[in-house]
Amino acid sequence: MADVKKQNWFKRTWGRICKYFRELKSELKKVVWSTPQQVLKNTLVVVACVLVVGVFIWMFDYVAEVCITALINLFH
């Protein structure tokens, strides 16, 4: 039987690291990057949605507080 000598750990690991970066580079070439106008538009949409949800939560909290205070005052 012929013994097949494996590469040492450093060469295997270095080969894997190099392969990872080659594949990373090729994948990054496929990415379609957003334009600054698209980024600004998407950011404004997110900020608007956060504000709307925040207002709804604030309104619900206020109504719940008024209702709970009314119930407490009713039974005291």
PDB file of N, CA and C in Angstrom:
ATOM      1  N   MET A   1       0.829  -1.169   0.000  1.00  0.00           N
ATOM      2  CA  MET A   1       0.000   0.000   0.000  1.00  0.00           C
ATOM      3  C   MET A   1       0.880   1.241   0.000  1.00  0.00           C
ATOM      4  N   ALA A   2       0.512   2.190  -0.815  1.00  0.00           N
ATOM      5  CA  ALA A   2       1.272   3.438  -0.861  1.00  0.00           C
ATOM      6  C   ALA A   2       0.665   4.419   0.137  1.00  0.00           C
ATOM      7  N   ASP A   3       1.508   4.977   0.927  1.00  0.00           N
ATOM      8  CA  ASP A   3       1.043   5.970   1.890  1.00  0.00           C
ATOM      9  C   ASP A   3       0.943   7.328   1.205  1.00  0.00           C
ATOM     10  N   VAL A   4      -0.214   7.950   1.354  1.00  0.00           N
ATOM     11  CA  VAL A   4      -0.416   9.282   0.789  1.00  0.00           C
ATOM     12  C   VAL A   4      -0.159  10.276   1.905  1.00  0.00           C
ATOM     13  N   LYS A   5       0.805  11.163   1.667  1.00  0.00           N
ATOM     14  CA  LYS A   5       1.166  12.128   2.694  1.00  0.00           C
ATOM     15  C   LYS A   5       0.239  13.345   2.584  1.00  0.00           C
ATOM     16  N   LYS A   6      -0.357  13.688   3.701  1.00  0.00           N
ATOM     17  CA  LYS A   6      -1.227  14.852   3.730  1.00  0.00           C
ATOM     18  C   LYS A   6      -0.375  16.104   3.881  1.00  0.00           C
ATOM     19  N   GLN A   7      -0.917  17.218   3.364  1.00  0.00           N
ATOM     20  CA  GLN A   7      -0.232  18.488   3.578  1.00  0.00           C
ATOM     21  C   GLN A   7      -0.312  18.831   5.056  1.00  0.00           C
ATOM     22  N   ASN A   8       0.632  19.630   5.503  1.00  0.00           N
ATOM     23  CA  ASN A   8       0.594  19.980   6.916  1.00  0.00           C
ATOM     24  C   ASN A   8      -0.566  20.948   7.190  1.00  0.00           C
ATOM     25  N   TRP A   9      -0.846  21.144   8.445  1.00  0.00           N
ATOM     26  CA  TRP A   9      -1.994  21.935   8.871  1.00  0.00           C
ATOM     27  C   TRP A   9      -1.934  23.358   8.345  1.00  0.00           C
ATOM     28  N   PHE A  10      -0.766  23.976   8.375  1.00  0.00           N
ATOM     29  CA  PHE A  10      -0.625  25.366   7.942  1.00  0.00           C
ATOM     30  C   PHE A  10      -0.981  25.522   6.469  1.00  0.00           C
ATOM     31  N   LYS A  11      -0.497  24.618   5.616  1.00  0.00           N
ATOM     32  CA  LYS A  11      -0.780  24.725   4.184  1.00  0.00           C
ATOM     33  C   LYS A  11      -2.258  24.519   3.898  1.00  0.00           C
ATOM     34  N   ARG A  12      -2.889  23.565   4.591  1.00  0.00           N
ATOM     35  CA  ARG A  12      -4.328  23.342   4.396  1.00  0.00           C
ATOM     36  C   ARG A  12      -5.127  24.562   4.826  1.00  0.00           C
ATOM     37  N   THR A  13      -4.800  25.090   5.985  1.00  0.00           N
ATOM     38  CA  THR A  13      -5.522  26.242   6.509  1.00  0.00           C
ATOM     39  C   THR A  13      -5.310  27.464   5.624  1.00  0.00           C
ATOM     40  N   TRP A  14      -4.073  27.696   5.210  1.00  0.00           N
ATOM     41  CA  TRP A  14      -3.780  28.849   4.350  1.00  0.00           C
ATOM     42  C   TRP A  14      -4.522  28.706   3.014  1.00  0.00           C
ATOM     43  N   GLY A  15      -4.595  27.512   2.490  1.00  0.00           N
ATOM     44  CA  GLY A  15      -5.327  27.278   1.246  1.00  0.00           C
ATOM     45  C   GLY A  15      -6.808  27.577   1.395  1.00  0.00           C
ATOM     46  N   ARG A  16      -7.380  27.192   2.532  1.00  0.00           N
ATOM     47  CA  ARG A  16      -8.797  27.471   2.783  1.00  0.00           C
ATOM     48  C   ARG A  16      -9.049  28.972   2.916  1.00  0.00           C
ATOM     49  N   ILE A  17      -8.140  29.668   3.588  1.00  0.00           N
ATOM     50  CA  ILE A  17      -8.290  31.115   3.749  1.00  0.00           C
ATOM     51  C   ILE A  17      -8.216  31.811   2.395  1.00  0.00           C
ATOM     52  N   CYS A  18      -7.266  31.414   1.572  1.00  0.00           N
ATOM     53  CA  CYS A  18      -7.141  32.007   0.235  1.00  0.00           C
ATOM     54  C   CYS A  18      -8.382  31.725  -0.603  1.00  0.00           C
ATOM     55  N   LYS A  19      -8.877  30.512  -0.551  1.00  0.00           N
ATOM     56  CA  LYS A  19     -10.079  30.153  -1.298  1.00  0.00           C
ATOM     57  C   LYS A  19     -11.270  30.989  -0.832  1.00  0.00           C
ATOM     58  N   TYR A  20     -11.391  31.197   0.480  1.00  0.00           N
ATOM     59  CA  TYR A  20     -12.483  31.993   1.025  1.00  0.00           C
ATOM     60  C   TYR A  20     -12.450  33.408   0.450  1.00  0.00           C
ATOM     61  N   PHE A  21     -11.275  34.042   0.438  1.00  0.00           N
ATOM     62  CA  PHE A  21     -11.192  35.411  -0.057  1.00  0.00           C
ATOM     63  C   PHE A  21     -11.393  35.494  -1.566  1.00  0.00           C
ATOM     64  N   ARG A  22     -10.974  34.488  -2.313  1.00  0.00           N
ATOM     65  CA  ARG A  22     -11.241  34.476  -3.758  1.00  0.00           C
ATOM     66  C   ARG A  22     -12.739  34.400  -4.019  1.00  0.00           C
ATOM     67  N   GLU A  23     -13.434  33.538  -3.286  1.00  0.00           N
ATOM     68  CA  GLU A  23     -14.874  33.409  -3.449  1.00  0.00           C
ATOM     69  C   GLU A  23     -15.593  34.673  -2.971  1.00  0.00           C
ATOM     70  N   LEU A  24     -15.109  35.276  -1.903  1.00  0.00           N
ATOM     71  CA  LEU A  24     -15.690  36.512  -1.401  1.00  0.00           C
ATOM     72  C   LEU A  24     -15.587  37.618  -2.442  1.00  0.00           C
ATOM     73  N   LYS A  25     -14.430  37.728  -3.066  1.00  0.00           N
ATOM     74  CA  LYS A  25     -14.225  38.740  -4.107  1.00  0.00           C
ATOM     75  C   LYS A  25     -15.168  38.514  -5.284  1.00  0.00           C
ATOM     76  N   SER A  26     -15.337  37.272  -5.703  1.00  0.00           N
ATOM     77  CA  SER A  26     -16.216  36.997  -6.837  1.00  0.00           C
ATOM     78  C   SER A  26     -17.675  37.265  -6.479  1.00  0.00           C
ATOM     79  N   GLU A  27     -18.082  36.992  -5.246  1.00  0.00           N
ATOM     80  CA  GLU A  27     -19.459  37.266  -4.837  1.00  0.00           C
ATOM     81  C   GLU A  27     -19.715  38.766  -4.728  1.00  0.00           C
ATOM     82  N   LEU A  28     -18.731  39.525  -4.248  1.00  0.00           N
ATOM     83  CA  LEU A  28     -18.916  40.966  -4.124  1.00  0.00           C
ATOM     84  C   LEU A  28     -19.034  41.638  -5.491  1.00  0.00           C
ATOM     85  N   LYS A  29     -18.488  41.037  -6.522  1.00  0.00           N
ATOM     86  CA  LYS A  29     -18.635  41.585  -7.868  1.00  0.00           C
ATOM     87  C   LYS A  29     -20.073  41.452  -8.362  1.00  0.00           C
ATOM     88  N   LYS A  30     -20.832  40.512  -7.804  1.00  0.00           N
ATOM     89  CA  LYS A  30     -22.211  40.277  -8.226  1.00  0.00           C
ATOM     90  C   LYS A  30     -23.205  41.200  -7.518  1.00  0.00           C
ATOM     91  N   VAL A  31     -22.781  41.880  -6.472  1.00  0.00           N
ATOM     92  CA  VAL A  31     -23.686  42.703  -5.673  1.00  0.00           C
ATOM     93  C   VAL A  31     -24.078  43.950  -6.463  1.00  0.00           C
ATOM     94  N   VAL A  32     -25.367  44.276  -6.414  1.00  0.00           N
ATOM     95  CA  VAL A  32     -25.857  45.509  -7.019  1.00  0.00           C
ATOM     96  C   VAL A  32     -26.022  46.514  -5.883  1.00  0.00           C
ATOM     97  N   TRP A  33     -25.163  47.510  -5.862  1.00  0.00           N
ATOM     98  CA  TRP A  33     -25.165  48.479  -4.772  1.00  0.00           C
ATOM     99  C   TRP A  33     -26.226  49.544  -5.027  1.00  0.00           C
ATOM    100  N   SER A  34     -26.865  49.999  -3.973  1.00  0.00           N
ATOM    101  CA  SER A  34     -27.899  51.033  -4.073  1.00  0.00           C
ATOM    102  C   SER A  34     -27.254  52.390  -4.348  1.00  0.00           C
ATOM    103  N   THR A  35     -28.019  53.226  -5.046  1.00  0.00           N
ATOM    104  CA  THR A  35     -27.546  54.592  -5.272  1.00  0.00           C
ATOM    105  C   THR A  35     -27.798  55.417  -4.016  1.00  0.00           C
ATOM    106  N   PRO A  36     -27.097  56.525  -3.849  1.00  0.00           N
ATOM    107  CA  PRO A  36     -27.351  57.373  -2.672  1.00  0.00           C
ATOM    108  C   PRO A  36     -28.804  57.852  -2.587  1.00  0.00           C
ATOM    109  N   GLN A  37     -29.436  58.074  -3.727  1.00  0.00           N
ATOM    110  CA  GLN A  37     -30.838  58.508  -3.717  1.00  0.00           C
ATOM    111  C   GLN A  37     -31.741  57.398  -3.175  1.00  0.00           C
ATOM    112  N   GLN A  38     -31.473  56.153  -3.559  1.00  0.00           N
ATOM    113  CA  GLN A  38     -32.264  55.033  -3.050  1.00  0.00           C
ATOM    114  C   GLN A  38     -32.063  54.861  -1.549  1.00  0.00           C
ATOM    115  N   VAL A  39     -30.831  55.020  -1.105  1.00  0.00           N
ATOM    116  CA  VAL A  39     -30.544  54.886   0.331  1.00  0.00           C
ATOM    117  C   VAL A  39     -31.284  55.962   1.113  1.00  0.00           C
ATOM    118  N   LEU A  40     -31.262  57.203   0.610  1.00  0.00           N
ATOM    119  CA  LEU A  40     -31.958  58.297   1.287  1.00  0.00           C
ATOM    120  C   LEU A  40     -33.458  58.048   1.319  1.00  0.00           C
ATOM    121  N   LYS A  41     -34.024  57.610   0.198  1.00  0.00           N
ATOM    122  CA  LYS A  41     -35.466  57.338   0.122  1.00  0.00           C
ATOM    123  C   LYS A  41     -35.854  56.233   1.109  1.00  0.00           C
ATOM    124  N   ASN A  42     -35.089  55.149   1.131  1.00  0.00           N
ATOM    125  CA  ASN A  42     -35.389  54.034   2.042  1.00  0.00           C
ATOM    126  C   ASN A  42     -35.242  54.455   3.501  1.00  0.00           C
ATOM    127  N   THR A  43     -34.246  55.293   3.788  1.00  0.00           N
ATOM    128  CA  THR A  43     -34.044  55.779   5.151  1.00  0.00           C
ATOM    129  C   THR A  43     -35.227  56.624   5.599  1.00  0.00           C
ATOM    130  N   LEU A  44     -35.710  57.498   4.710  1.00  0.00           N
ATOM    131  CA  LEU A  44     -36.861  58.335   5.059  1.00  0.00           C
ATOM    132  C   LEU A  44     -38.117  57.497   5.279  1.00  0.00           C
ATOM    133  N   VAL A  45     -38.300  56.439   4.499  1.00  0.00           N
ATOM    134  CA  VAL A  45     -39.445  55.557   4.689  1.00  0.00           C
ATOM    135  C   VAL A  45     -39.360  54.871   6.051  1.00  0.00           C
ATOM    136  N   VAL A  46     -38.188  54.410   6.418  1.00  0.00           N
ATOM    137  CA  VAL A  46     -38.018  53.739   7.712  1.00  0.00           C
ATOM    138  C   VAL A  46     -38.271  54.716   8.863  1.00  0.00           C
ATOM    139  N   VAL A  47     -37.732  55.930   8.758  1.00  0.00           N
ATOM    140  CA  VAL A  47     -37.942  56.923   9.819  1.00  0.00           C
ATOM    141  C   VAL A  47     -39.424  57.258   9.944  1.00  0.00           C
ATOM    142  N   ALA A  48     -40.114  57.420   8.818  1.00  0.00           N
ATOM    143  CA  ALA A  48     -41.546  57.720   8.847  1.00  0.00           C
ATOM    144  C   ALA A  48     -42.325  56.579   9.502  1.00  0.00           C
ATOM    145  N   CYS A  49     -42.005  55.341   9.152  1.00  0.00           N
ATOM    146  CA  CYS A  49     -42.692  54.190   9.756  1.00  0.00           C
ATOM    147  C   CYS A  49     -42.450  54.117  11.251  1.00  0.00           C
ATOM    148  N   VAL A  50     -41.232  54.396  11.676  1.00  0.00           N
ATOM    149  CA  VAL A  50     -40.922  54.374  13.112  1.00  0.00           C
ATOM    150  C   VAL A  50     -41.725  55.448  13.837  1.00  0.00           C
ATOM    151  N   LEU A  51     -41.823  56.630  13.238  1.00  0.00           N
ATOM    152  CA  LEU A  51     -42.596  57.698  13.869  1.00  0.00           C
ATOM    153  C   LEU A  51     -44.078  57.344  13.953  1.00  0.00           C
ATOM    154  N   VAL A  52     -44.638  56.783  12.904  1.00  0.00           N
ATOM    155  CA  VAL A  52     -46.054  56.409  12.908  1.00  0.00           C
ATOM    156  C   VAL A  52     -46.325  55.343  13.970  1.00  0.00           C
ATOM    157  N   VAL A  53     -45.501  54.340  14.026  1.00  0.00           N
ATOM    158  CA  VAL A  53     -45.680  53.285  15.032  1.00  0.00           C
ATOM    159  C   VAL A  53     -45.495  53.864  16.432  1.00  0.00           C
ATOM    160  N   GLY A  54     -44.536  54.767  16.594  1.00  0.00           N
ATOM    161  CA  GLY A  54     -44.330  55.406  17.890  1.00  0.00           C
ATOM    162  C   GLY A  54     -45.546  56.203  18.344  1.00  0.00           C
ATOM    163  N   VAL A  55     -46.171  56.915  17.407  1.00  0.00           N
ATOM    164  CA  VAL A  55     -47.374  57.683  17.745  1.00  0.00           C
ATOM    165  C   VAL A  55     -48.506  56.735  18.147  1.00  0.00           C
ATOM    166  N   PHE A  56     -48.688  55.636  17.419  1.00  0.00           N
ATOM    167  CA  PHE A  56     -49.739  54.678  17.780  1.00  0.00           C
ATOM    168  C   PHE A  56     -49.485  54.069  19.162  1.00  0.00           C
ATOM    169  N   ILE A  57     -48.255  53.747  19.459  1.00  0.00           N
ATOM    170  CA  ILE A  57     -47.942  53.194  20.781  1.00  0.00           C
ATOM    171  C   ILE A  57     -48.202  54.237  21.861  1.00  0.00           C
ATOM    172  N   TRP A  58     -47.816  55.487  21.600  1.00  0.00           N
ATOM    173  CA  TRP A  58     -48.053  56.561  22.567  1.00  0.00           C
ATOM    174  C   TRP A  58     -49.550  56.751  22.798  1.00  0.00           C
ATOM    175  N   MET A  59     -50.348  56.739  21.718  1.00  0.00           N
ATOM    176  CA  MET A  59     -51.797  56.895  21.853  1.00  0.00           C
ATOM    177  C   MET A  59     -52.394  55.736  22.660  1.00  0.00           C
ATOM    178  N   PHE A  60     -51.985  54.509  22.351  1.00  0.00           N
ATOM    179  CA  PHE A  60     -52.499  53.351  23.095  1.00  0.00           C
ATOM    180  C   PHE A  60     -52.127  53.452  24.568  1.00  0.00           C
ATOM    181  N   ASP A  61     -50.900  53.869  24.848  1.00  0.00           N
ATOM    182  CA  ASP A  61     -50.443  53.996  26.231  1.00  0.00           C
ATOM    183  C   ASP A  61     -51.258  55.056  26.961  1.00  0.00           C
ATOM    184  N   TYR A  62     -51.524  56.165  26.296  1.00  0.00           N
ATOM    185  CA  TYR A  62     -52.302  57.240  26.911  1.00  0.00           C
ATOM    186  C   TYR A  62     -53.735  56.790  27.197  1.00  0.00           C
ATOM    187  N   VAL A  63     -54.364  56.144  26.218  1.00  0.00           N
ATOM    188  CA  VAL A  63     -55.734  55.661  26.408  1.00  0.00           C
ATOM    189  C   VAL A  63     -55.785  54.614  27.523  1.00  0.00           C
ATOM    190  N   ALA A  64     -54.811  53.713  27.550  1.00  0.00           N
ATOM    191  CA  ALA A  64     -54.771  52.690  28.602  1.00  0.00           C
ATOM    192  C   ALA A  64     -54.591  53.339  29.967  1.00  0.00           C
ATOM    193  N   GLU A  65     -53.748  54.356  30.050  1.00  0.00           N
ATOM    194  CA  GLU A  65     -53.534  55.051  31.316  1.00  0.00           C
ATOM    195  C   GLU A  65     -54.816  55.731  31.788  1.00  0.00           C
ATOM    196  N   VAL A  66     -55.521  56.398  30.888  1.00  0.00           N
ATOM    197  CA  VAL A  66     -56.769  57.071  31.245  1.00  0.00           C
ATOM    198  C   VAL A  66     -57.803  56.049  31.701  1.00  0.00           C
ATOM    199  N   CYS A  67     -57.923  54.939  31.001  1.00  0.00           N
ATOM    200  CA  CYS A  67     -58.895  53.907  31.377  1.00  0.00           C
ATOM    201  C   CYS A  67     -58.573  53.299  32.732  1.00  0.00           C
ATOM    202  N   ILE A  68     -57.332  52.985  32.966  1.00  0.00           N
ATOM    203  CA  ILE A  68     -56.941  52.383  34.247  1.00  0.00           C
ATOM    204  C   ILE A  68     -57.148  53.371  35.385  1.00  0.00           C
ATOM    205  N   THR A  69     -56.806  54.643  35.162  1.00  0.00           N
ATOM    206  CA  THR A  69     -57.020  55.658  36.192  1.00  0.00           C
ATOM    207  C   THR A  69     -58.514  55.816  36.485  1.00  0.00           C
ATOM    208  N   ALA A  70     -59.338  55.789  35.433  1.00  0.00           N
ATOM    209  CA  ALA A  70     -60.791  55.901  35.626  1.00  0.00           C
ATOM    210  C   ALA A  70     -61.328  54.714  36.423  1.00  0.00           C
ATOM    211  N   LEU A  71     -60.852  53.509  36.113  1.00  0.00           N
ATOM    212  CA  LEU A  71     -61.297  52.316  36.861  1.00  0.00           C
ATOM    213  C   LEU A  71     -60.856  52.379  38.319  1.00  0.00           C
ATOM    214  N   ILE A  72     -59.646  52.831  38.565  1.00  0.00           N
ATOM    215  CA  ILE A  72     -59.175  52.928  39.952  1.00  0.00           C
ATOM    216  C   ILE A  72     -60.001  53.943  40.714  1.00  0.00           C
ATOM    217  N   ASN A  73     -60.277  55.096  40.094  1.00  0.00           N
ATOM    218  CA  ASN A  73     -61.075  56.126  40.755  1.00  0.00           C
ATOM    219  C   ASN A  73     -62.527  55.677  40.944  1.00  0.00           C
ATOM    220  N   LEU A  74     -63.028  54.869  40.038  1.00  0.00           N
ATOM    221  CA  LEU A  74     -64.404  54.386  40.136  1.00  0.00           C
ATOM    222  C   LEU A  74     -64.586  53.485  41.356  1.00  0.00           C
ATOM    223  N   PHE A  75     -63.593  52.672  41.671  1.00  0.00           N
ATOM    224  CA  PHE A  75     -63.739  51.705  42.767  1.00  0.00           C
ATOM    225  C   PHE A  75     -63.170  52.219  44.089  1.00  0.00           C
ATOM    226  N   HIS A  76     -62.679  53.426  44.131  1.00  0.00           N
ATOM    227  CA  HIS A  76     -62.227  53.968  45.414  1.00  0.00           C
ATOM    228  C   HIS A  76     -63.237  54.858  45.948  1.00  0.00           C
TER     229      HIS A  76
END
